[in-house]
């Protein structure tokens, strides 16, 4: 299974990117979306899994990348 990590997924462009990825990728892909403050209306789906993440915290980033 292929995993894709999207940072800034709840920003201005993020929701559009998530929708485009969901439409264009095959069913074997899982999209991991990161947020610092989740204000997005884009909810968890079967293919999009949300993860709280402070992108400036190197330990958090390394831990997430290792676990997905």
PDB file of N, CA and C in Angstrom:
ATOM      1  N   UNK A   1       0.840  -1.184   0.000  1.00  0.00           N
ATOM      2  CA  UNK A   1       0.000   0.000   0.000  1.00  0.00           C
ATOM      3  C   UNK A   1       0.879   1.239   0.000  1.00  0.00           C
ATOM      4  N   UNK A   2       0.501   2.210  -0.771  1.00  0.00           N
ATOM      5  CA  UNK A   2       1.238   3.467  -0.883  1.00  0.00           C
ATOM      6  C   UNK A   2       0.620   4.493   0.064  1.00  0.00           C
ATOM      7  N   UNK A   3       1.489   5.220   0.773  1.00  0.00           N
ATOM      8  CA  UNK A   3       1.036   6.302   1.648  1.00  0.00           C
ATOM      9  C   UNK A   3       1.571   7.622   1.129  1.00  0.00           C
ATOM     10  N   UNK A   4       0.734   8.650   1.185  1.00  0.00           N
ATOM     11  CA  UNK A   4       1.120  10.003   0.778  1.00  0.00           C
ATOM     12  C   UNK A   4       0.905  10.913   1.980  1.00  0.00           C
ATOM     13  N   UNK A   5       1.898  11.722   2.298  1.00  0.00           N
ATOM     14  CA  UNK A   5       1.812  12.645   3.418  1.00  0.00           C
ATOM     15  C   UNK A   5       1.603  14.055   2.886  1.00  0.00           C
ATOM     16  N   UNK A   6       0.523  14.700   3.319  1.00  0.00           N
ATOM     17  CA  UNK A   6       0.207  16.070   2.909  1.00  0.00           C
ATOM     18  C   UNK A   6       0.291  16.962   4.138  1.00  0.00           C
ATOM     19  N   UNK A   7       1.240  17.893   4.131  1.00  0.00           N
ATOM     20  CA  UNK A   7       1.326  18.849   5.235  1.00  0.00           C
ATOM     21  C   UNK A   7       0.527  20.091   4.854  1.00  0.00           C
ATOM     22  N   UNK A   8       0.016  20.778   5.846  1.00  0.00           N
ATOM     23  CA  UNK A   8      -0.785  21.969   5.566  1.00  0.00           C
ATOM     24  C   UNK A   8      -2.122  21.634   4.922  1.00  0.00           C
ATOM     25  N   UNK A   9      -2.636  20.462   5.227  1.00  0.00           N
ATOM     26  CA  UNK A   9      -3.843  19.979   4.554  1.00  0.00           C
ATOM     27  C   UNK A   9      -5.098  20.771   4.907  1.00  0.00           C
ATOM     28  N   UNK A  10      -5.070  21.509   5.991  1.00  0.00           N
ATOM     29  CA  UNK A  10      -6.245  22.304   6.334  1.00  0.00           C
ATOM     30  C   UNK A  10      -6.051  23.778   5.995  1.00  0.00           C
ATOM     31  N   UNK A  11      -5.041  24.069   5.194  1.00  0.00           N
ATOM     32  CA  UNK A  11      -4.799  25.443   4.758  1.00  0.00           C
ATOM     33  C   UNK A  11      -5.690  25.807   3.582  1.00  0.00           C
ATOM     34  N   UNK A  12      -5.320  26.856   2.883  1.00  0.00           N
ATOM     35  CA  UNK A  12      -6.138  27.368   1.784  1.00  0.00           C
ATOM     36  C   UNK A  12      -6.212  26.383   0.616  1.00  0.00           C
ATOM     37  N   UNK A  13      -5.081  25.823   0.231  1.00  0.00           N
ATOM     38  CA  UNK A  13      -5.014  24.929  -0.920  1.00  0.00           C
ATOM     39  C   UNK A  13      -5.237  23.462  -0.520  1.00  0.00           C
ATOM     40  N   UNK A  14      -4.941  23.120   0.717  1.00  0.00           N
ATOM     41  CA  UNK A  14      -4.972  21.741   1.181  1.00  0.00           C
ATOM     42  C   UNK A  14      -6.221  20.946   0.854  1.00  0.00           C
ATOM     43  N   UNK A  15      -7.426  21.445   1.152  1.00  0.00           N
ATOM     44  CA  UNK A  15      -8.632  20.671   0.851  1.00  0.00           C
ATOM     45  C   UNK A  15      -8.792  20.361  -0.641  1.00  0.00           C
ATOM     46  N   UNK A  16      -8.389  21.293  -1.491  1.00  0.00           N
ATOM     47  CA  UNK A  16      -8.459  21.056  -2.940  1.00  0.00           C
ATOM     48  C   UNK A  16      -7.483  19.956  -3.350  1.00  0.00           C
ATOM     49  N   UNK A  17      -6.293  19.984  -2.759  1.00  0.00           N
ATOM     50  CA  UNK A  17      -5.297  18.957  -3.041  1.00  0.00           C
ATOM     51  C   UNK A  17      -5.791  17.586  -2.588  1.00  0.00           C
ATOM     52  N   UNK A  18      -6.389  17.520  -1.410  1.00  0.00           N
ATOM     53  CA  UNK A  18      -6.903  16.236  -0.916  1.00  0.00           C
ATOM     54  C   UNK A  18      -7.974  15.670  -1.849  1.00  0.00           C
ATOM     55  N   UNK A  19      -8.882  16.514  -2.286  1.00  0.00           N
ATOM     56  CA  UNK A  19      -9.937  16.046  -3.202  1.00  0.00           C
ATOM     57  C   UNK A  19      -9.340  15.550  -4.516  1.00  0.00           C
ATOM     58  N   UNK A  20      -8.377  16.291  -5.049  1.00  0.00           N
ATOM     59  CA  UNK A  20      -7.740  15.895  -6.308  1.00  0.00           C
ATOM     60  C   UNK A  20      -6.988  14.579  -6.151  1.00  0.00           C
ATOM     61  N   UNK A  21      -6.293  14.405  -5.045  1.00  0.00           N
ATOM     62  CA  UNK A  21      -5.580  13.157  -4.807  1.00  0.00           C
ATOM     63  C   UNK A  21      -6.545  11.986  -4.685  1.00  0.00           C
ATOM     64  N   UNK A  22      -7.633  12.190  -3.948  1.00  0.00           N
ATOM     65  CA  UNK A  22      -8.620  11.107  -3.790  1.00  0.00           C
ATOM     66  C   UNK A  22      -9.193  10.672  -5.136  1.00  0.00           C
ATOM     67  N   UNK A  23      -9.434  11.621  -6.016  1.00  0.00           N
ATOM     68  CA  UNK A  23     -10.012  11.302  -7.324  1.00  0.00           C
ATOM     69  C   UNK A  23      -9.005  10.624  -8.249  1.00  0.00           C
ATOM     70  N   UNK A  24      -7.743  11.015  -8.174  1.00  0.00           N
ATOM     71  CA  UNK A  24      -6.778  10.560  -9.167  1.00  0.00           C
ATOM     72  C   UNK A  24      -5.978   9.324  -8.764  1.00  0.00           C
ATOM     73  N   UNK A  25      -5.914   9.014  -7.482  1.00  0.00           N
ATOM     74  CA  UNK A  25      -5.100   7.889  -7.042  1.00  0.00           C
ATOM     75  C   UNK A  25      -5.917   6.599  -6.996  1.00  0.00           C
ATOM     76  N   UNK A  26      -5.225   5.493  -7.155  1.00  0.00           N
ATOM     77  CA  UNK A  26      -5.925   4.215  -7.087  1.00  0.00           C
ATOM     78  C   UNK A  26      -6.306   3.890  -5.643  1.00  0.00           C
ATOM     79  N   UNK A  27      -7.083   2.869  -5.488  1.00  0.00           N
ATOM     80  CA  UNK A  27      -7.635   2.521  -4.170  1.00  0.00           C
ATOM     81  C   UNK A  27      -6.583   1.996  -3.198  1.00  0.00           C
ATOM     82  N   UNK A  28      -5.394   1.696  -3.689  1.00  0.00           N
ATOM     83  CA  UNK A  28      -4.333   1.169  -2.833  1.00  0.00           C
ATOM     84  C   UNK A  28      -3.575   2.266  -2.089  1.00  0.00           C
ATOM     85  N   UNK A  29      -3.913   3.526  -2.321  1.00  0.00           N
ATOM     86  CA  UNK A  29      -3.215   4.641  -1.688  1.00  0.00           C
ATOM     87  C   UNK A  29      -3.988   5.156  -0.486  1.00  0.00           C
ATOM     88  N   UNK A  30      -3.245   5.503   0.553  1.00  0.00           N
ATOM     89  CA  UNK A  30      -3.823   6.157   1.724  1.00  0.00           C
ATOM     90  C   UNK A  30      -3.168   7.523   1.843  1.00  0.00           C
ATOM     91  N   UNK A  31      -3.981   8.538   2.059  1.00  0.00           N
ATOM     92  CA  UNK A  31      -3.481   9.903   2.187  1.00  0.00           C
ATOM     93  C   UNK A  31      -3.466  10.255   3.671  1.00  0.00           C
ATOM     94  N   UNK A  32      -2.303  10.663   4.172  1.00  0.00           N
ATOM     95  CA  UNK A  32      -2.164  11.093   5.557  1.00  0.00           C
ATOM     96  C   UNK A  32      -2.061  12.606   5.557  1.00  0.00           C
ATOM     97  N   UNK A  33      -3.035  13.266   6.144  1.00  0.00           N
ATOM     98  CA  UNK A  33      -3.106  14.723   6.148  1.00  0.00           C
ATOM     99  C   UNK A  33      -2.721  15.244   7.527  1.00  0.00           C
ATOM    100  N   UNK A  34      -1.859  16.230   7.551  1.00  0.00           N
ATOM    101  CA  UNK A  34      -1.389  16.794   8.815  1.00  0.00           C
ATOM    102  C   UNK A  34      -2.033  18.145   9.074  1.00  0.00           C
ATOM    103  N   UNK A  35      -2.262  18.415  10.342  1.00  0.00           N
ATOM    104  CA  UNK A  35      -2.818  19.713  10.722  1.00  0.00           C
ATOM    105  C   UNK A  35      -2.202  20.172  12.023  1.00  0.00           C
ATOM    106  N   UNK A  36      -2.113  21.457  12.186  1.00  0.00           N
ATOM    107  CA  UNK A  36      -1.659  22.043  13.450  1.00  0.00           C
ATOM    108  C   UNK A  36      -2.876  22.469  14.254  1.00  0.00           C
ATOM    109  N   UNK A  37      -3.837  23.070  13.584  1.00  0.00           N
ATOM    110  CA  UNK A  37      -5.082  23.505  14.203  1.00  0.00           C
ATOM    111  C   UNK A  37      -6.193  23.106  13.253  1.00  0.00           C
ATOM    112  N   UNK A  38      -6.880  22.024  13.546  1.00  0.00           N
ATOM    113  CA  UNK A  38      -7.828  21.469  12.582  1.00  0.00           C
ATOM    114  C   UNK A  38      -9.117  22.280  12.552  1.00  0.00           C
ATOM    115  N   UNK A  39      -9.192  23.186  11.593  1.00  0.00           N
ATOM    116  CA  UNK A  39     -10.403  23.963  11.357  1.00  0.00           C
ATOM    117  C   UNK A  39     -11.036  23.595  10.027  1.00  0.00           C
ATOM    118  N   UNK A  40     -10.554  22.538   9.434  1.00  0.00           N
ATOM    119  CA  UNK A  40     -11.020  22.141   8.119  1.00  0.00           C
ATOM    120  C   UNK A  40     -12.351  21.418   8.213  1.00  0.00           C
ATOM    121  N   UNK A  41     -13.179  21.612   7.208  1.00  0.00           N
ATOM    122  CA  UNK A  41     -14.429  20.874   7.122  1.00  0.00           C
ATOM    123  C   UNK A  41     -14.197  19.499   6.509  1.00  0.00           C
ATOM    124  N   UNK A  42     -13.003  19.265   6.031  1.00  0.00           N
ATOM    125  CA  UNK A  42     -12.661  17.997   5.398  1.00  0.00           C
ATOM    126  C   UNK A  42     -12.483  16.953   6.491  1.00  0.00           C
ATOM    127  N   UNK A  43     -13.324  15.959   6.534  1.00  0.00           N
ATOM    128  CA  UNK A  43     -13.323  14.973   7.613  1.00  0.00           C
ATOM    129  C   UNK A  43     -12.534  13.727   7.214  1.00  0.00           C
ATOM    130  N   UNK A  44     -12.304  12.875   8.195  1.00  0.00           N
ATOM    131  CA  UNK A  44     -11.698  11.577   7.918  1.00  0.00           C
ATOM    132  C   UNK A  44     -12.560  10.814   6.928  1.00  0.00           C
ATOM    133  N   UNK A  45     -11.915  10.144   6.026  1.00  0.00           N
ATOM    134  CA  UNK A  45     -12.602   9.246   5.115  1.00  0.00           C
ATOM    135  C   UNK A  45     -11.843   7.927   5.140  1.00  0.00           C
ATOM    136  N   UNK A  46     -12.285   6.998   4.345  1.00  0.00           N
ATOM    137  CA  UNK A  46     -11.582   5.715   4.285  1.00  0.00           C
ATOM    138  C   UNK A  46     -10.154   5.895   3.793  1.00  0.00           C
ATOM    139  N   UNK A  47      -9.931   6.894   2.945  1.00  0.00           N
ATOM    140  CA  UNK A  47      -8.612   7.078   2.344  1.00  0.00           C
ATOM    141  C   UNK A  47      -7.815   8.247   2.909  1.00  0.00           C
ATOM    142  N   UNK A  48      -8.445   9.117   3.690  1.00  0.00           N
ATOM    143  CA  UNK A  48      -7.724  10.253   4.275  1.00  0.00           C
ATOM    144  C   UNK A  48      -7.737  10.113   5.787  1.00  0.00           C
ATOM    145  N   UNK A  49      -6.552  10.030   6.364  1.00  0.00           N
ATOM    146  CA  UNK A  49      -6.390   9.926   7.812  1.00  0.00           C
ATOM    147  C   UNK A  49      -5.694  11.182   8.314  1.00  0.00           C
ATOM    148  N   UNK A  50      -6.305  11.845   9.286  1.00  0.00           N
ATOM    149  CA  UNK A  50      -5.768  13.099   9.820  1.00  0.00           C
ATOM    150  C   UNK A  50      -4.832  12.834  10.992  1.00  0.00           C
ATOM    151  N   UNK A  51      -3.759  13.612  11.076  1.00  0.00           N
ATOM    152  CA  UNK A  51      -2.782  13.501  12.151  1.00  0.00           C
ATOM    153  C   UNK A  51      -2.451  14.893  12.670  1.00  0.00           C
ATOM    154  N   UNK A  52      -2.529  15.112  13.990  1.00  0.00           N
ATOM    155  CA  UNK A  52      -2.086  16.395  14.530  1.00  0.00           C
ATOM    156  C   UNK A  52      -0.567  16.473  14.419  1.00  0.00           C
ATOM    157  N   UNK A  53      -0.052  17.599  13.956  1.00  0.00           N
ATOM    158  CA  UNK A  53       1.387  17.711  13.763  1.00  0.00           C
ATOM    159  C   UNK A  53       1.816  19.169  13.755  1.00  0.00           C
ATOM    160  N   UNK A  54       2.852  19.471  14.522  1.00  0.00           N
ATOM    161  CA  UNK A  54       3.519  20.767  14.450  1.00  0.00           C
ATOM    162  C   UNK A  54       4.733  20.558  13.561  1.00  0.00           C
ATOM    163  N   UNK A  55       4.675  21.035  12.344  1.00  0.00           N
ATOM    164  CA  UNK A  55       5.716  20.784  11.347  1.00  0.00           C
ATOM    165  C   UNK A  55       7.071  21.346  11.776  1.00  0.00           C
ATOM    166  N   UNK A  56       7.093  22.261  12.739  1.00  0.00           N
ATOM    167  CA  UNK A  56       8.358  22.804  13.220  1.00  0.00           C
ATOM    168  C   UNK A  56       9.003  21.925  14.278  1.00  0.00           C
ATOM    169  N   UNK A  57       8.306  20.893  14.725  1.00  0.00           N
ATOM    170  CA  UNK A  57       8.828  19.971  15.733  1.00  0.00           C
ATOM    171  C   UNK A  57       9.403  18.747  15.022  1.00  0.00           C
ATOM    172  N   UNK A  58      10.723  18.696  14.928  1.00  0.00           N
ATOM    173  CA  UNK A  58      11.384  17.643  14.163  1.00  0.00           C
ATOM    174  C   UNK A  58      11.042  16.250  14.690  1.00  0.00           C
ATOM    175  N   UNK A  59      10.973  16.085  16.001  1.00  0.00           N
ATOM    176  CA  UNK A  59      10.662  14.768  16.573  1.00  0.00           C
ATOM    177  C   UNK A  59       9.268  14.294  16.160  1.00  0.00           C
ATOM    178  N   UNK A  60       8.295  15.190  16.158  1.00  0.00           N
ATOM    179  CA  UNK A  60       6.940  14.825  15.742  1.00  0.00           C
ATOM    180  C   UNK A  60       6.920  14.397  14.278  1.00  0.00           C
ATOM    181  N   UNK A  61       7.627  15.136  13.436  1.00  0.00           N
ATOM    182  CA  UNK A  61       7.647  14.825  12.007  1.00  0.00           C
ATOM    183  C   UNK A  61       8.294  13.466  11.764  1.00  0.00           C
ATOM    184  N   UNK A  62       9.444  13.230  12.366  1.00  0.00           N
ATOM    185  CA  UNK A  62      10.149  11.954  12.201  1.00  0.00           C
ATOM    186  C   UNK A  62       9.285  10.800  12.699  1.00  0.00           C
ATOM    187  N   UNK A  63       8.659  10.977  13.840  1.00  0.00           N
ATOM    188  CA  UNK A  63       7.809   9.931  14.399  1.00  0.00           C
ATOM    189  C   UNK A  63       6.637   9.595  13.473  1.00  0.00           C
ATOM    190  N   UNK A  64       5.983  10.615  12.932  1.00  0.00           N
ATOM    191  CA  UNK A  64       4.858  10.382  12.033  1.00  0.00           C
ATOM    192  C   UNK A  64       5.306   9.667  10.766  1.00  0.00           C
ATOM    193  N   UNK A  65       6.400  10.127  10.174  1.00  0.00           N
ATOM    194  CA  UNK A  65       6.884   9.519   8.934  1.00  0.00           C
ATOM    195  C   UNK A  65       7.253   8.061   9.155  1.00  0.00           C
ATOM    196  N   UNK A  66       7.830   7.752  10.273  1.00  0.00           N
ATOM    197  CA  UNK A  66       8.199   6.358  10.569  1.00  0.00           C
ATOM    198  C   UNK A  66       6.976   5.472  10.783  1.00  0.00           C
ATOM    199  N   UNK A  67       5.889   6.053  11.258  1.00  0.00           N
ATOM    200  CA  UNK A  67       4.718   5.256  11.627  1.00  0.00           C
ATOM    201  C   UNK A  67       3.653   5.125  10.529  1.00  0.00           C
ATOM    202  N   UNK A  68       3.842   5.797   9.406  1.00  0.00           N
ATOM    203  CA  UNK A  68       2.829   5.663   8.350  1.00  0.00           C
ATOM    204  C   UNK A  68       3.329   4.810   7.209  1.00  0.00           C
TER     205      UNK A  68
END
